[in-house]
Amino acid sequence: GIHIENVSKPSITPFLVHNGTGGAVIIAPGGGYHVLAWTLEGTDVARRFNAMGVSAFVLKYRIPLRKDVPGMPWAWAQLQDAQRAIGLVRGRAAEWGLDPAKIGFMGFSAGGHLTAHISTAWQTRLYPRLDEYDDLSCRPDLSLLVYPWKLLRNDDPASAQLAPEI
């Protein structure tokens, strides 16, 4: 499958279903925050959701990881991209024939980490307001974590504590 590297400008690729459920899922492919497994964990999954009557958007989030910034959580740039994607899809829901109360988020591996992160860190945007889409909630209505990566403190499988950003 296709792997994408060095993303500096995030984007979403829509896979819209007309006369579907009105629901949508934003898909965050995995790749260890180094690459994006674009087809296997992105576009292929979007097409499968389409076959079930669900619209999908594949999120091309910034990779690789950005340098740590004081006061910001680990993987802060990817969280910003997820926050923006949910607000954008929710804000354009009517245009795309979607129900703004049925916007889910899912991810594989590092994308699973991002899904957990957006599912717990949606209350405050980590970037300055850009437009009206940033006034809308970026809380996913559904979260699917598929073999999530780095959810436990220090990535230790024996840990009983979640990573601090989660």
C-alpha atoms as a PDB file:
ATOM      1  CA  GLY A   1       0.000   0.000   0.000  1.00  0.00           C
ATOM      2  CA  ILE A   2       0.883   3.654  -0.221  1.00  0.00           C
ATOM      3  CA  HIS A   3       2.729   5.255   2.694  1.00  0.00           C
ATOM      4  CA  ILE A   4       2.904   9.033   2.994  1.00  0.00           C
ATOM      5  CA  GLU A   5       5.827  10.847   4.611  1.00  0.00           C
ATOM      6  CA  ASN A   6       6.642  14.420   5.633  1.00  0.00           C
ATOM      7  CA  VAL A   7       3.221  16.057   5.888  1.00  0.00           C
ATOM      8  CA  SER A   8       3.440  19.748   6.747  1.00  0.00           C
ATOM      9  CA  LYS A   9      -0.042  20.802   5.606  1.00  0.00           C
ATOM     10  CA  PRO A  10      -2.871  18.691   7.028  1.00  0.00           C
ATOM     11  CA  SER A  11      -5.924  17.863   4.925  1.00  0.00           C
ATOM     12  CA  ILE A  12      -8.953  15.594   4.768  1.00  0.00           C
ATOM     13  CA  THR A  13      -9.955  13.464   1.805  1.00  0.00           C
ATOM     14  CA  PRO A  14     -13.730  12.919   1.632  1.00  0.00           C
ATOM     15  CA  PHE A  15     -15.422   9.653   0.737  1.00  0.00           C
ATOM     16  CA  LEU A  16     -19.070  10.730   0.730  1.00  0.00           C
ATOM     17  CA  VAL A  17     -22.140   8.522   0.604  1.00  0.00           C
ATOM     18  CA  HIS A  18     -25.433  10.024  -0.557  1.00  0.00           C
ATOM     19  CA  ASN A  19     -28.623   8.547   0.903  1.00  0.00           C
ATOM     20  CA  GLY A  20     -26.548   6.899   3.624  1.00  0.00           C
ATOM     21  CA  THR A  21     -26.940   6.974   7.395  1.00  0.00           C
ATOM     22  CA  GLY A  22     -25.955  10.630   7.781  1.00  0.00           C
ATOM     23  CA  GLY A  23     -23.084   9.482   9.938  1.00  0.00           C
ATOM     24  CA  ALA A  24     -19.437  10.029   9.157  1.00  0.00           C
ATOM     25  CA  VAL A  25     -16.110   8.878  10.510  1.00  0.00           C
ATOM     26  CA  ILE A  26     -12.775  10.643  10.296  1.00  0.00           C
ATOM     27  CA  ILE A  27     -10.010   8.065   9.861  1.00  0.00           C
ATOM     28  CA  ALA A  28      -6.472   8.599  11.173  1.00  0.00           C
ATOM     29  CA  PRO A  29      -4.086   6.106   9.550  1.00  0.00           C
ATOM     30  CA  GLY A  30      -1.238   4.738  11.642  1.00  0.00           C
ATOM     31  CA  GLY A  31       2.476   4.813  11.009  1.00  0.00           C
ATOM     32  CA  GLY A  32       4.187   5.576  14.315  1.00  0.00           C
ATOM     33  CA  TYR A  33       3.851   9.330  13.734  1.00  0.00           C
ATOM     34  CA  HIS A  34       6.595   8.883  11.096  1.00  0.00           C
ATOM     35  CA  VAL A  35       4.518   7.866   8.052  1.00  0.00           C
ATOM     36  CA  LEU A  36       0.835   7.372   7.230  1.00  0.00           C
ATOM     37  CA  ALA A  37      -0.345   3.939   6.096  1.00  0.00           C
ATOM     38  CA  TRP A  38      -2.572   5.753   3.609  1.00  0.00           C
ATOM     39  CA  THR A  39      -4.256   2.889   1.746  1.00  0.00           C
ATOM     40  CA  LEU A  40      -4.385  -0.006   4.216  1.00  0.00           C
ATOM     41  CA  GLU A  41      -5.432   2.090   7.226  1.00  0.00           C
ATOM     42  CA  GLY A  42      -7.024   5.000   5.356  1.00  0.00           C
ATOM     43  CA  THR A  43      -8.636   4.869   1.931  1.00  0.00           C
ATOM     44  CA  ASP A  44      -9.391   1.124   2.054  1.00  0.00           C
ATOM     45  CA  VAL A  45     -11.169   1.603   5.379  1.00  0.00           C
ATOM     46  CA  ALA A  46     -13.062   4.638   4.051  1.00  0.00           C
ATOM     47  CA  ARG A  47     -14.379   2.592   1.131  1.00  0.00           C
ATOM     48  CA  ARG A  48     -15.503  -0.144   3.522  1.00  0.00           C
ATOM     49  CA  PHE A  49     -17.457   2.418   5.566  1.00  0.00           C
ATOM     50  CA  ASN A  50     -18.998   3.718   2.325  1.00  0.00           C
ATOM     51  CA  ALA A  51     -20.201   0.190   1.530  1.00  0.00           C
ATOM     52  CA  MET A  52     -22.055   0.285   4.874  1.00  0.00           C
ATOM     53  CA  GLY A  53     -23.695   3.659   4.099  1.00  0.00           C
ATOM     54  CA  VAL A  54     -21.308   5.752   6.201  1.00  0.00           C
ATOM     55  CA  SER A  55     -19.357   8.692   4.814  1.00  0.00           C
ATOM     56  CA  ALA A  56     -15.679   8.847   5.687  1.00  0.00           C
ATOM     57  CA  PHE A  57     -12.823  11.321   5.662  1.00  0.00           C
ATOM     58  CA  VAL A  58      -9.192  10.250   5.704  1.00  0.00           C
ATOM     59  CA  LEU A  59      -7.117  12.659   7.764  1.00  0.00           C
ATOM     60  CA  LYS A  60      -3.666  13.489   6.483  1.00  0.00           C
ATOM     61  CA  TYR A  61      -2.213  14.797   9.735  1.00  0.00           C
ATOM     62  CA  ARG A  62       1.206  16.328  10.212  1.00  0.00           C
ATOM     63  CA  ILE A  63       4.115  13.903  10.425  1.00  0.00           C
ATOM     64  CA  PRO A  64       6.725  13.333  11.654  1.00  0.00           C
ATOM     65  CA  LEU A  65       6.235  14.430  15.277  1.00  0.00           C
ATOM     66  CA  ARG A  66       7.025  18.081  15.934  1.00  0.00           C
ATOM     67  CA  LYS A  67       9.423  19.196  18.652  1.00  0.00           C
ATOM     68  CA  ASP A  68       7.994  19.396  22.144  1.00  0.00           C
ATOM     69  CA  VAL A  69       6.569  22.799  23.042  1.00  0.00           C
ATOM     70  CA  PRO A  70       6.308  23.832  26.706  1.00  0.00           C
ATOM     71  CA  GLY A  71       2.677  23.782  27.823  1.00  0.00           C
ATOM     72  CA  MET A  72       1.580  21.587  24.929  1.00  0.00           C
ATOM     73  CA  PRO A  73       0.901  17.826  25.128  1.00  0.00           C
ATOM     74  CA  TRP A  74       2.983  15.201  23.372  1.00  0.00           C
ATOM     75  CA  ALA A  75       1.869  14.891  19.713  1.00  0.00           C
ATOM     76  CA  TRP A  76       0.350  18.377  19.907  1.00  0.00           C
ATOM     77  CA  ALA A  77       0.398  19.041  16.148  1.00  0.00           C
ATOM     78  CA  GLN A  78      -1.527  15.866  15.391  1.00  0.00           C
ATOM     79  CA  LEU A  79      -4.098  16.762  18.070  1.00  0.00           C
ATOM     80  CA  GLN A  80      -4.524  20.197  16.490  1.00  0.00           C
ATOM     81  CA  ASP A  81      -5.138  18.545  13.122  1.00  0.00           C
ATOM     82  CA  ALA A  82      -7.748  16.205  14.629  1.00  0.00           C
ATOM     83  CA  GLN A  83      -9.493  19.097  16.411  1.00  0.00           C
ATOM     84  CA  ARG A  84      -9.645  21.084  13.181  1.00  0.00           C
ATOM     85  CA  ALA A  85     -10.860  18.103  11.128  1.00  0.00           C
ATOM     86  CA  ILE A  86     -13.814  17.411  13.429  1.00  0.00           C
ATOM     87  CA  GLY A  87     -14.845  21.082  13.498  1.00  0.00           C
ATOM     88  CA  LEU A  88     -14.573  21.308   9.721  1.00  0.00           C
ATOM     89  CA  VAL A  89     -16.635  18.171   9.062  1.00  0.00           C
ATOM     90  CA  ARG A  90     -19.234  19.184  11.660  1.00  0.00           C
ATOM     91  CA  GLY A  91     -19.408  22.707  10.208  1.00  0.00           C
ATOM     92  CA  ARG A  92     -19.872  21.477   6.642  1.00  0.00           C
ATOM     93  CA  ALA A  93     -22.216  18.615   7.563  1.00  0.00           C
ATOM     94  CA  ALA A  94     -25.295  20.121   5.868  1.00  0.00           C
ATOM     95  CA  GLU A  95     -23.338  20.719   2.658  1.00  0.00           C
ATOM     96  CA  TRP A  96     -22.199  17.088   2.648  1.00  0.00           C
ATOM     97  CA  GLY A  97     -25.554  15.592   3.699  1.00  0.00           C
ATOM     98  CA  LEU A  98     -24.310  14.571   7.139  1.00  0.00           C
ATOM     99  CA  ASP A  99     -25.769  14.710  10.636  1.00  0.00           C
ATOM    100  CA  PRO A 100     -23.478  16.997  12.689  1.00  0.00           C
ATOM    101  CA  ALA A 101     -24.317  14.907  15.788  1.00  0.00           C
ATOM    102  CA  LYS A 102     -22.956  11.721  14.152  1.00  0.00           C
ATOM    103  CA  ILE A 103     -19.298  12.537  13.536  1.00  0.00           C
ATOM    104  CA  GLY A 104     -16.951   9.809  14.732  1.00  0.00           C
ATOM    105  CA  PHE A 105     -13.184   9.478  14.818  1.00  0.00           C
ATOM    106  CA  MET A 106     -11.121   6.331  14.453  1.00  0.00           C
ATOM    107  CA  GLY A 107      -7.497   5.442  14.092  1.00  0.00           C
ATOM    108  CA  PHE A 108      -5.007   2.632  13.775  1.00  0.00           C
ATOM    109  CA  SER A 109      -1.797   2.362  15.826  1.00  0.00           C
ATOM    110  CA  ALA A 110      -0.514   5.960  16.127  1.00  0.00           C
ATOM    111  CA  GLY A 111      -3.888   7.004  14.715  1.00  0.00           C
ATOM    112  CA  GLY A 112      -5.423   5.031  17.594  1.00  0.00           C
ATOM    113  CA  HIS A 113      -3.349   7.120  19.992  1.00  0.00           C
ATOM    114  CA  LEU A 114      -4.626  10.228  18.217  1.00  0.00           C
ATOM    115  CA  THR A 115      -8.196   8.936  18.559  1.00  0.00           C
ATOM    116  CA  ALA A 116      -7.746   8.495  22.318  1.00  0.00           C
ATOM    117  CA  HIS A 117      -6.128  11.930  22.513  1.00  0.00           C
ATOM    118  CA  ILE A 118      -8.950  13.774  20.688  1.00  0.00           C
ATOM    119  CA  SER A 119     -11.506  11.801  22.704  1.00  0.00           C
ATOM    120  CA  THR A 120     -10.098  13.187  25.957  1.00  0.00           C
ATOM    121  CA  ALA A 121      -8.684  16.571  24.867  1.00  0.00           C
ATOM    122  CA  TRP A 122     -11.500  18.231  22.955  1.00  0.00           C
ATOM    123  CA  GLN A 123     -12.594  20.884  25.455  1.00  0.00           C
ATOM    124  CA  THR A 124     -10.054  23.536  24.383  1.00  0.00           C
ATOM    125  CA  ARG A 125      -8.579  24.072  20.936  1.00  0.00           C
ATOM    126  CA  LEU A 126      -4.780  24.073  20.958  1.00  0.00           C
ATOM    127  CA  TYR A 127      -4.561  26.714  18.252  1.00  0.00           C
ATOM    128  CA  PRO A 128      -5.974  30.220  17.695  1.00  0.00           C
ATOM    129  CA  ARG A 129      -9.449  30.431  16.172  1.00  0.00           C
ATOM    130  CA  LEU A 130      -9.324  30.391  12.365  1.00  0.00           C
ATOM    131  CA  ASP A 131     -13.030  30.654  11.473  1.00  0.00           C
ATOM    132  CA  GLU A 132     -16.567  29.629  12.478  1.00  0.00           C
ATOM    133  CA  TYR A 133     -15.679  25.913  12.325  1.00  0.00           C
ATOM    134  CA  ASP A 134     -13.506  26.403  15.398  1.00  0.00           C
ATOM    135  CA  ASP A 135     -16.567  27.540  17.364  1.00  0.00           C
ATOM    136  CA  LEU A 136     -18.087  24.051  17.016  1.00  0.00           C
ATOM    137  CA  SER A 137     -17.369  21.118  19.294  1.00  0.00           C
ATOM    138  CA  CYS A 138     -14.486  18.891  18.278  1.00  0.00           C
ATOM    139  CA  ARG A 139     -15.658  16.070  20.566  1.00  0.00           C
ATOM    140  CA  PRO A 140     -16.114  12.876  18.562  1.00  0.00           C
ATOM    141  CA  ASP A 141     -19.584  11.350  18.837  1.00  0.00           C
ATOM    142  CA  LEU A 142     -17.967   7.923  18.466  1.00  0.00           C
ATOM    143  CA  SER A 143     -14.378   6.780  18.955  1.00  0.00           C
ATOM    144  CA  LEU A 144     -12.834   3.602  17.556  1.00  0.00           C
ATOM    145  CA  LEU A 145      -9.290   2.749  18.620  1.00  0.00           C
ATOM    146  CA  VAL A 146      -7.814  -0.029  16.464  1.00  0.00           C
ATOM    147  CA  TYR A 147      -4.617  -1.531  17.932  1.00  0.00           C
ATOM    148  CA  PRO A 148      -3.761   1.833  19.542  1.00  0.00           C
ATOM    149  CA  TRP A 149      -0.137   2.724  20.195  1.00  0.00           C
ATOM    150  CA  LYS A 150       1.447   4.435  23.228  1.00  0.00           C
ATOM    151  CA  LEU A 151      -1.650   4.637  25.427  1.00  0.00           C
ATOM    152  CA  LEU A 152       0.160   3.556  28.586  1.00  0.00           C
ATOM    153  CA  ARG A 153       2.597   5.674  30.584  1.00  0.00           C
ATOM    154  CA  ASN A 154       6.110   5.336  29.127  1.00  0.00           C
ATOM    155  CA  ASP A 155       4.646   2.882  26.589  1.00  0.00           C
ATOM    156  CA  ASP A 156       5.042   0.233  29.314  1.00  0.00           C
ATOM    157  CA  PRO A 157       2.645  -2.727  28.914  1.00  0.00           C
ATOM    158  CA  ALA A 158       2.917  -3.405  32.676  1.00  0.00           C
ATOM    159  CA  SER A 159       1.778   0.129  33.538  1.00  0.00           C
ATOM    160  CA  ALA A 160      -1.631   0.659  35.065  1.00  0.00           C
ATOM    161  CA  GLN A 161      -1.557   4.354  34.123  1.00  0.00           C
ATOM    162  CA  LEU A 162      -2.451   6.031  30.866  1.00  0.00           C
ATOM    163  CA  ALA A 163       0.000   8.279  29.049  1.00  0.00           C
ATOM    164  CA  PRO A 164      -0.250  11.801  30.500  1.00  0.00           C
ATOM    165  CA  GLU A 165      -1.701  13.353  27.325  1.00  0.00           C
ATOM    166  CA  ILE A 166      -4.580  10.842  27.400  1.00  0.00           C
END
